[in-house]
Amino acid sequence: MGTLGRTEEVGRFLASLQRQEHRDFELFIVDQNPDDRLLPLIEKYSRHFRIERVVSPKGLSRARNAGLQRITGDLVAFPDDDCWYPDGLLSYVASRFKLDSGLDGLTGRFVDEDGRAEGRWLARSQVLNRYTVWRGAISFSIFLRRSLVDRIEPFDEALGVGAGTAWGAGEETDYLLRSLNAGGRIVFDHELVLRHPVKTGSFDEAARERQGRYESGFGRVIRRSGFPFWYFPWVCLRTLTGALLALCTGRPAQARFKWHSVQSRIRGWLTGAGPVA
């Protein structure tokens, strides 16, 4: 778990781990804070389960790579510092892998504390492919076998929050696409529901800026992942159609949000073939 700038949210996640019935796990907190704000929390919960504090340069992908160098378990997860696990989640995940030896990865969806969802999730459980992975996974809902992780390259440190580039997301999708290319069988489980705040409830300027960084990473990943020529125009046209529909139905803020998404996606795709910016 990479973390920067959060304390209360980290405490909520640690408390959710403490409530899990399945206790055979280790947590690596990759601390990118300039201070020791997390030490009291680490001291409190390390009495109950194994926690190791790791320090790394800033950037979510850098944090994950630093943590991956230290894992010893058979399964790997990538929790956000503001997510939390429902009671019984780790037992459920462990049982799914135990019962299906051919399962290399498991993903789920999320809702917030009020049950609100975010994004267009797949409507049913299914084996993921390169076209469905976009709607079937988010970083903190990914659980992978160590044997698959060992077969692929680390996270692309030019992608993701804090990377210092224009590509502010897409690192987990890039990682899963490479996992699929390596022969991984990864299943989206519609019943696997984690908790995380919903952040796109409004379409104001701050939301548009955040979405712009995400979509830029999206465009770069498509450019670099060998999709057929028609795929990128199609996903842009789909979002543009949504923008026009929002405009025609009296939702100008949502229309601007979607139009900005398309523009940022195109910028990410155009720069995706070049060196890190």
Protein backbone atom coordinates (compact mmCIF):
# COMPACT_ATOMS: atom_id res chain seq x y z
CA MET A 1 0.00 0.00 0.00
CA GLY A 2 1.55 3.24 -1.15
CA THR A 3 0.54 6.29 0.84
CA LEU A 4 1.14 10.02 0.88
CA GLY A 5 -0.64 12.75 2.81
CA ARG A 6 -3.24 10.57 4.55
CA THR A 7 -3.49 9.41 8.14
CA GLU A 8 -7.13 8.89 9.13
CA GLU A 9 -7.85 6.91 5.95
CA VAL A 10 -4.84 4.66 6.58
CA GLY A 11 -6.16 4.03 10.08
CA ARG A 12 -9.53 3.01 8.64
CA PHE A 13 -7.86 0.52 6.31
CA LEU A 14 -5.74 -0.96 9.12
CA ALA A 15 -8.85 -1.31 11.28
CA SER A 16 -10.57 -3.19 8.46
CA LEU A 17 -7.61 -5.58 8.29
CA GLN A 18 -7.83 -6.12 12.03
CA ARG A 19 -11.46 -7.26 11.61
CA GLN A 20 -10.61 -9.91 8.99
CA GLU A 21 -11.07 -13.55 10.01
CA HIS A 22 -8.31 -14.63 7.63
CA ARG A 23 -5.10 -13.69 9.42
CA ASP A 24 -2.38 -15.15 7.21
CA PHE A 25 -1.20 -11.95 5.54
CA GLU A 26 1.51 -9.31 5.65
CA LEU A 27 1.17 -5.61 4.88
CA PHE A 28 3.88 -3.46 3.36
CA ILE A 29 3.18 0.24 3.86
CA VAL A 30 5.24 2.17 1.34
CA ASP A 31 5.45 5.49 3.13
CA GLN A 32 6.13 8.52 0.91
CA ASN A 33 5.34 11.12 3.56
CA PRO A 34 8.03 13.64 4.55
CA ASP A 35 7.28 12.97 8.23
CA ASP A 36 6.55 10.10 10.61
CA ARG A 37 2.80 10.58 10.88
CA LEU A 38 2.09 6.87 10.33
CA LEU A 39 4.42 5.49 13.00
CA PRO A 40 1.79 5.51 15.80
CA LEU A 41 -0.65 3.59 13.59
CA ILE A 42 2.01 1.11 12.53
CA GLU A 43 3.01 0.54 16.15
CA LYS A 44 -0.63 0.03 17.18
CA TYR A 45 -1.56 -2.51 14.52
CA SER A 46 1.76 -4.33 14.24
CA ARG A 47 0.81 -5.98 17.52
CA HIS A 48 -1.95 -7.80 15.67
CA PHE A 49 -0.47 -8.59 12.23
CA ARG A 50 2.79 -8.17 10.38
CA ILE A 51 3.45 -4.65 9.04
CA GLU A 52 6.65 -3.46 7.44
CA ARG A 53 7.23 0.19 6.66
CA VAL A 54 9.07 0.82 3.40
CA VAL A 55 10.28 4.21 2.17
CA SER A 56 10.41 5.04 -1.54
CA PRO A 57 10.52 8.03 -3.88
CA LYS A 58 7.14 9.57 -4.67
CA GLY A 59 4.83 7.98 -7.20
CA LEU A 60 2.24 5.24 -6.84
CA SER A 61 3.91 2.90 -9.33
CA ARG A 62 7.25 3.38 -7.58
CA ALA A 63 5.58 2.53 -4.28
CA ARG A 64 4.10 -0.67 -5.65
CA ASN A 65 7.39 -1.75 -7.17
CA ALA A 66 9.14 -1.13 -3.87
CA GLY A 67 6.57 -3.29 -2.09
CA LEU A 68 6.73 -6.07 -4.67
CA GLN A 69 10.43 -6.50 -3.96
CA ARG A 70 9.59 -7.61 -0.42
CA ILE A 71 6.56 -9.87 -0.73
CA THR A 72 6.77 -13.43 0.57
CA GLY A 73 3.16 -14.62 0.21
CA ASP A 74 1.40 -16.62 -2.49
CA LEU A 75 -1.13 -13.87 -3.29
CA VAL A 76 -0.58 -10.16 -3.86
CA ALA A 77 -2.96 -7.21 -3.47
CA PHE A 78 -2.54 -3.46 -4.06
CA PRO A 79 -4.82 -1.58 -1.63
CA ASP A 80 -5.22 2.18 -1.87
CA ASP A 81 -4.56 4.19 1.26
CA ASP A 82 -8.19 5.38 1.26
CA CYS A 83 -9.92 2.06 0.60
CA TRP A 84 -11.06 -0.44 3.21
CA TYR A 85 -11.99 -4.12 3.21
CA PRO A 86 -15.45 -5.39 4.20
CA ASP A 87 -15.49 -8.03 6.92
CA GLY A 88 -14.76 -11.47 5.52
CA LEU A 89 -13.18 -10.24 2.28
CA LEU A 90 -9.79 -11.91 2.71
CA SER A 91 -11.41 -15.23 3.62
CA TYR A 92 -13.53 -15.04 0.48
CA VAL A 93 -10.55 -14.21 -1.76
CA ALA A 94 -8.38 -16.94 -0.23
CA SER A 95 -11.12 -19.53 -0.71
CA ARG A 96 -11.61 -18.59 -4.37
CA PHE A 97 -7.93 -19.19 -5.11
CA LYS A 98 -7.86 -22.38 -3.04
CA LEU A 99 -10.85 -23.87 -4.88
CA ASP A 100 -9.62 -22.93 -8.39
CA SER A 101 -6.01 -23.89 -9.03
CA GLY A 102 -6.22 -22.43 -12.54
CA LEU A 103 -7.11 -18.98 -11.24
CA ASP A 104 -4.22 -16.53 -11.65
CA GLY A 105 -6.04 -13.35 -10.65
CA LEU A 106 -9.27 -12.11 -9.14
CA THR A 107 -10.75 -8.62 -9.42
CA GLY A 108 -13.85 -6.92 -8.04
CA ARG A 109 -15.71 -3.64 -7.94
CA PHE A 110 -16.36 -1.08 -5.21
CA VAL A 111 -19.00 1.07 -3.54
CA ASP A 112 -18.64 3.81 -0.95
CA GLU A 113 -19.91 3.71 2.63
CA ASP A 114 -23.42 4.64 1.41
CA GLY A 115 -23.48 1.95 -1.26
CA ARG A 116 -22.94 4.33 -4.18
CA ALA A 117 -21.01 2.96 -7.14
CA GLU A 118 -18.67 4.69 -9.58
CA GLY A 119 -17.85 3.73 -13.15
CA ARG A 120 -19.39 1.34 -15.66
CA TRP A 121 -18.67 -2.07 -14.17
CA LEU A 122 -19.22 -5.33 -16.02
CA ALA A 123 -22.73 -6.60 -15.33
CA ARG A 124 -21.70 -10.18 -14.53
CA SER A 125 -18.73 -12.25 -13.40
CA GLN A 126 -16.46 -13.36 -16.24
CA VAL A 127 -12.92 -14.14 -17.33
CA LEU A 128 -11.26 -10.88 -18.34
CA ASN A 129 -9.71 -10.15 -21.71
CA ARG A 130 -7.99 -7.07 -23.08
CA TYR A 131 -11.30 -5.45 -24.05
CA THR A 132 -13.20 -6.09 -20.81
CA VAL A 133 -10.34 -5.37 -18.39
CA TRP A 134 -11.15 -1.63 -18.48
CA ARG A 135 -14.53 -2.25 -16.83
CA GLY A 136 -13.53 -5.18 -14.67
CA ALA A 137 -10.75 -3.96 -12.41
CA ILE A 138 -9.42 -1.10 -10.37
CA SER A 139 -6.06 -1.25 -8.63
CA PHE A 140 -7.22 -1.87 -5.07
CA SER A 141 -9.60 -4.65 -6.21
CA ILE A 142 -6.84 -6.72 -7.83
CA PHE A 143 -5.59 -9.96 -6.25
CA LEU A 144 -2.92 -11.95 -8.14
CA ARG A 145 -0.98 -15.12 -7.62
CA ARG A 146 2.68 -14.55 -6.88
CA SER A 147 3.54 -16.98 -9.69
CA LEU A 148 1.93 -14.62 -12.21
CA VAL A 149 3.55 -11.51 -10.71
CA ASP A 150 6.95 -13.15 -11.05
CA ARG A 151 6.40 -13.63 -14.80
CA ILE A 152 5.80 -9.98 -15.69
CA GLU A 153 7.75 -6.76 -15.52
CA PRO A 154 7.19 -4.25 -12.68
CA PHE A 155 4.70 -1.40 -12.83
CA ASP A 156 5.46 1.27 -15.43
CA GLU A 157 6.77 4.13 -13.28
CA ALA A 158 5.91 6.67 -15.98
CA LEU A 159 2.22 5.97 -15.26
CA GLY A 160 0.08 6.78 -12.26
CA VAL A 161 -0.40 9.35 -9.53
CA GLY A 162 2.85 11.09 -8.62
CA ALA A 163 4.77 9.79 -11.61
CA GLY A 164 5.87 13.29 -12.58
CA THR A 165 4.48 12.83 -16.11
CA ALA A 166 1.24 13.77 -17.85
CA TRP A 167 -0.05 10.20 -17.49
CA GLY A 168 -1.79 10.21 -14.12
CA ALA A 169 -3.43 6.77 -14.26
CA GLY A 170 -3.56 3.53 -16.20
CA GLU A 171 -0.72 1.76 -14.41
CA GLU A 172 -2.91 -1.04 -13.07
CA THR A 173 -4.60 -1.63 -16.44
CA ASP A 174 -1.21 -1.73 -18.15
CA TYR A 175 -0.11 -4.24 -15.51
CA LEU A 176 -3.16 -6.42 -16.05
CA LEU A 177 -2.83 -6.26 -19.84
CA ARG A 178 0.72 -7.55 -19.51
CA SER A 179 -0.55 -10.22 -17.10
CA LEU A 180 -3.08 -11.35 -19.70
CA ASN A 181 -0.41 -11.36 -22.39
CA ALA A 182 1.65 -13.62 -20.14
CA GLY A 183 -1.18 -16.15 -20.15
CA GLY A 184 -2.80 -15.18 -16.87
CA ARG A 185 -6.40 -16.26 -16.28
CA ILE A 186 -7.96 -13.36 -14.40
CA VAL A 187 -11.61 -13.38 -13.36
CA PHE A 188 -13.83 -10.41 -12.53
CA ASP A 189 -16.07 -11.44 -9.64
CA HIS A 190 -19.19 -9.26 -9.48
CA GLU A 191 -19.78 -10.44 -5.90
CA LEU A 192 -16.37 -9.21 -4.74
CA VAL A 193 -17.20 -5.70 -3.50
CA LEU A 194 -14.66 -3.48 -1.75
CA ARG A 195 -15.11 -0.04 -0.21
CA HIS A 196 -13.68 3.24 -1.48
CA PRO A 197 -14.90 6.86 -1.63
CA VAL A 198 -16.74 7.88 -4.80
CA LYS A 199 -14.91 10.84 -6.30
CA THR A 200 -16.86 11.76 -9.46
CA GLY A 201 -20.10 12.86 -7.88
CA SER A 202 -19.64 16.31 -9.40
CA PHE A 203 -18.29 17.59 -12.69
CA ASP A 204 -16.58 20.76 -11.51
CA GLU A 205 -13.17 22.04 -12.58
CA ALA A 206 -11.28 19.97 -10.01
CA ALA A 207 -13.03 16.81 -11.19
CA ARG A 208 -12.26 17.66 -14.83
CA GLU A 209 -8.57 18.19 -14.04
CA ARG A 210 -8.36 14.88 -12.18
CA GLN A 211 -10.19 13.09 -14.98
CA GLY A 212 -7.85 14.69 -17.51
CA ARG A 213 -4.82 13.09 -15.83
CA TYR A 214 -6.58 9.74 -15.72
CA GLU A 215 -7.65 9.85 -19.34
CA SER A 216 -4.19 10.87 -20.51
CA GLY A 217 -2.84 7.69 -18.95
CA PHE A 218 -5.67 5.74 -20.55
CA GLY A 219 -4.67 7.03 -23.99
CA ARG A 220 -1.02 6.17 -23.46
CA VAL A 221 -1.82 2.61 -22.37
CA ILE A 222 -3.98 2.00 -25.45
CA ARG A 223 -1.23 3.37 -27.71
CA ARG A 224 1.42 1.11 -26.20
CA SER A 225 -0.60 -2.08 -25.79
CA GLY A 226 -1.02 -3.14 -29.41
CA PHE A 227 -4.76 -2.71 -29.80
CA PRO A 228 -6.15 -2.82 -33.38
CA PHE A 229 -6.37 0.49 -35.23
CA TRP A 230 -10.13 0.83 -34.78
CA TYR A 231 -10.18 0.52 -30.99
CA PHE A 232 -8.99 3.97 -29.96
CA PRO A 233 -11.34 5.89 -32.33
CA TRP A 234 -14.19 3.71 -31.11
CA VAL A 235 -13.65 4.44 -27.39
CA CYS A 236 -13.30 8.16 -28.15
CA LEU A 237 -16.47 8.17 -30.22
CA ARG A 238 -18.36 6.41 -27.46
CA THR A 239 -17.40 9.07 -24.91
CA LEU A 240 -18.07 11.87 -27.40
CA THR A 241 -21.55 10.46 -27.98
CA GLY A 242 -22.10 10.59 -24.24
CA ALA A 243 -21.00 14.23 -24.20
CA LEU A 244 -23.46 15.13 -26.96
CA LEU A 245 -26.24 13.26 -25.21
CA ALA A 246 -25.53 15.09 -21.95
CA LEU A 247 -25.58 18.41 -23.79
CA CYS A 248 -28.86 17.63 -25.53
CA THR A 249 -30.51 16.61 -22.26
CA GLY A 250 -29.57 19.76 -20.36
CA ARG A 251 -26.46 18.56 -18.51
CA PRO A 252 -23.77 20.97 -19.70
CA ALA A 253 -21.33 20.29 -16.83
CA GLN A 254 -21.34 16.57 -17.59
CA ALA A 255 -20.96 17.32 -21.30
CA ARG A 256 -17.86 19.46 -20.60
CA PHE A 257 -16.50 16.70 -18.37
CA LYS A 258 -16.82 14.09 -21.11
CA TRP A 259 -15.45 16.39 -23.80
CA HIS A 260 -12.43 17.13 -21.62
CA SER A 261 -12.02 13.37 -21.15
CA VAL A 262 -11.86 12.83 -24.91
CA GLN A 263 -9.35 15.63 -25.41
CA SER A 264 -7.10 14.31 -22.62
CA ARG A 265 -7.34 10.76 -23.93
CA ILE A 266 -6.23 11.92 -27.36
CA ARG A 267 -3.29 13.83 -25.87
CA GLY A 268 -2.25 10.72 -23.99
CA TRP A 269 -2.47 8.63 -27.13
CA LEU A 270 -0.45 11.16 -29.18
CA THR A 271 2.34 11.29 -26.60
CA GLY A 272 2.17 7.59 -25.78
CA ALA A 273 4.52 6.54 -28.56
CA GLY A 274 7.27 8.91 -27.49
CA PRO A 275 9.70 8.92 -24.53
CA VAL A 276 8.66 9.84 -21.01
CA ALA A 277 7.75 13.53 -20.82
